[in-house]
C-alpha atoms as a PDB file:
ATOM      1  CA  MET A   1      36.652  28.267 -42.122  1.00  0.00           C
ATOM      2  CA  ARG A   2      35.536  26.504 -38.396  1.00  0.00           C
ATOM      3  CA  TYR A   3      33.630  23.499 -38.049  1.00  0.00           C
ATOM      4  CA  ARG A   4      31.558  22.791 -34.855  1.00  0.00           C
ATOM      5  CA  PRO A   5      29.412  19.874 -34.565  1.00  0.00           C
ATOM      6  CA  TYR A   6      25.503  20.764 -34.703  1.00  0.00           C
ATOM      7  CA  GLY A   7      22.426  18.212 -34.675  1.00  0.00           C
ATOM      8  CA  LYS A   8      22.290  14.253 -33.693  1.00  0.00           C
ATOM      9  CA  GLU A   9      23.576  13.814 -37.633  1.00  0.00           C
ATOM     10  CA  GLY A  10      26.726  15.361 -37.269  1.00  0.00           C
ATOM     11  CA  THR A  11      26.156  18.244 -39.360  1.00  0.00           C
ATOM     12  CA  THR A  12      28.065  21.488 -39.234  1.00  0.00           C
ATOM     13  CA  SER A  13      26.735  24.620 -38.903  1.00  0.00           C
ATOM     14  CA  ALA A  14      28.994  26.218 -41.649  1.00  0.00           C
ATOM     15  CA  SER A  15      27.283  23.831 -43.828  1.00  0.00           C
ATOM     16  CA  LEU A  16      23.971  24.671 -42.763  1.00  0.00           C
ATOM     17  CA  LEU A  17      24.136  28.413 -43.399  1.00  0.00           C
ATOM     18  CA  GLY A  18      27.549  29.354 -44.798  1.00  0.00           C
ATOM     19  CA  GLY A  19      29.180  29.639 -41.455  1.00  0.00           C
ATOM     20  CA  LYS A  20      26.349  31.910 -40.196  1.00  0.00           C
ATOM     21  CA  ASN A  21      25.533  31.356 -36.288  1.00  0.00           C
ATOM     22  CA  MET A  22      23.368  28.551 -35.646  1.00  0.00           C
ATOM     23  CA  SER A  23      23.687  28.757 -31.962  1.00  0.00           C
ATOM     24  CA  ARG A  24      20.709  28.528 -29.993  1.00  0.00           C
ATOM     25  CA  THR A  25      20.659  31.786 -28.469  1.00  0.00           C
ATOM     26  CA  GLY A  26      22.571  33.530 -31.222  1.00  0.00           C
ATOM     27  CA  LEU A  27      25.085  34.746 -28.716  1.00  0.00           C
ATOM     28  CA  THR A  28      29.197  34.269 -28.647  1.00  0.00           C
ATOM     29  CA  VAL A  29      31.018  33.442 -25.910  1.00  0.00           C
ATOM     30  CA  LYS A  30      34.761  33.375 -25.485  1.00  0.00           C
ATOM     31  CA  LEU A  31      36.214  30.307 -23.952  1.00  0.00           C
ATOM     32  CA  ILE A  32      39.512  29.756 -26.009  1.00  0.00           C
ATOM     33  CA  GLY A  33      42.203  31.075 -23.757  1.00  0.00           C
ATOM     34  CA  ARG A  34      40.050  31.191 -20.502  1.00  0.00           C
ATOM     35  CA  ASP A  35      39.640  28.679 -17.426  1.00  0.00           C
ATOM     36  CA  GLY A  36      38.749  25.176 -18.834  1.00  0.00           C
ATOM     37  CA  ASN A  37      37.084  24.347 -15.490  1.00  0.00           C
ATOM     38  CA  ALA A  38      33.510  23.381 -15.859  1.00  0.00           C
ATOM     39  CA  PHE A  39      32.155  25.771 -13.197  1.00  0.00           C
ATOM     40  CA  ALA A  40      34.350  28.430 -14.938  1.00  0.00           C
ATOM     41  CA  ILE A  41      32.641  27.843 -18.709  1.00  0.00           C
ATOM     42  CA  LEU A  42      28.713  27.360 -16.931  1.00  0.00           C
ATOM     43  CA  GLY A  43      29.331  30.821 -15.341  1.00  0.00           C
ATOM     44  CA  THR A  44      30.464  32.423 -18.205  1.00  0.00           C
ATOM     45  CA  CYS A  45      27.381  31.213 -20.162  1.00  0.00           C
ATOM     46  CA  LEU A  46      25.247  31.892 -17.945  1.00  0.00           C
ATOM     47  CA  GLU A  47      26.569  35.536 -17.201  1.00  0.00           C
ATOM     48  CA  ALA A  48      25.956  36.148 -21.104  1.00  0.00           C
ATOM     49  CA  MET A  49      22.819  34.897 -20.783  1.00  0.00           C
ATOM     50  CA  ARG A  50      21.993  37.013 -17.930  1.00  0.00           C
ATOM     51  CA  ARG A  51      23.442  40.084 -19.701  1.00  0.00           C
ATOM     52  CA  ASN A  52      21.370  39.676 -23.018  1.00  0.00           C
ATOM     53  CA  LYS A  53      18.329  39.312 -21.043  1.00  0.00           C
ATOM     54  CA  ILE A  54      17.598  35.384 -21.867  1.00  0.00           C
ATOM     55  CA  SER A  55      14.409  34.438 -20.321  1.00  0.00           C
ATOM     56  CA  LYS A  56      14.831  32.368 -16.591  1.00  0.00           C
ATOM     57  CA  GLU A  57      13.241  29.727 -18.326  1.00  0.00           C
ATOM     58  CA  GLU A  58      15.669  29.426 -20.939  1.00  0.00           C
ATOM     59  CA  ILE A  59      18.217  29.664 -18.344  1.00  0.00           C
ATOM     60  CA  GLU A  60      17.150  26.891 -16.586  1.00  0.00           C
ATOM     61  CA  GLU A  61      16.751  24.959 -19.447  1.00  0.00           C
ATOM     62  CA  PHE A  62      20.224  25.409 -20.581  1.00  0.00           C
ATOM     63  CA  LYS A  63      21.357  24.713 -17.096  1.00  0.00           C
ATOM     64  CA  LYS A  64      19.919  21.512 -16.532  1.00  0.00           C
ATOM     65  CA  GLN A  65      20.936  20.267 -19.901  1.00  0.00           C
ATOM     66  CA  ALA A  66      24.586  21.302 -19.327  1.00  0.00           C
ATOM     67  CA  MET A  67      24.762  19.587 -15.753  1.00  0.00           C
ATOM     68  CA  SER A  68      22.873  16.514 -16.784  1.00  0.00           C
ATOM     69  CA  GLY A  69      26.004  14.637 -18.147  1.00  0.00           C
ATOM     70  CA  ASP A  70      30.063  14.870 -17.966  1.00  0.00           C
ATOM     71  CA  TYR A  71      32.522  17.468 -19.030  1.00  0.00           C
ATOM     72  CA  ASN A  72      31.982  16.746 -22.664  1.00  0.00           C
ATOM     73  CA  ASN A  73      28.338  16.767 -22.142  1.00  0.00           C
ATOM     74  CA  LEU A  74      28.963  20.259 -20.889  1.00  0.00           C
ATOM     75  CA  LEU A  75      30.978  21.055 -24.046  1.00  0.00           C
ATOM     76  CA  ARG A  76      28.410  19.668 -26.332  1.00  0.00           C
ATOM     77  CA  VAL A  77      25.670  21.654 -24.930  1.00  0.00           C
ATOM     78  CA  VAL A  78      27.647  25.069 -24.912  1.00  0.00           C
ATOM     79  CA  THR A  79      28.456  24.614 -28.208  1.00  0.00           C
ATOM     80  CA  GLU A  80      24.504  23.734 -29.105  1.00  0.00           C
ATOM     81  CA  TRP A  81      23.177  27.215 -27.353  1.00  0.00           C
ATOM     82  CA  PHE A  82      26.152  29.604 -28.085  1.00  0.00           C
ATOM     83  CA  GLU A  83      28.852  30.611 -31.035  1.00  0.00           C
ATOM     84  CA  VAL A  84      32.207  29.516 -29.301  1.00  0.00           C
ATOM     85  CA  GLU A  85      35.579  31.848 -29.849  1.00  0.00           C
END
């Protein structure tokens, strides 16, 4: 069973819902084995959001959060918004 950080208290999604997807969008993005460049990660996530008809407001909120810090912040935000494979 894989665990990923969730929330500010360090709880894991697996411990909260028995491994069920706890991401904000309910979408899964495949990042493992792909380009780890920040722009490539951001582009993959934005493409998934657009393809699944996520509202423009939510997309803008995701972009604002994802781009508000360094690379580690981007990864943290991505794992909050998406299930990552």
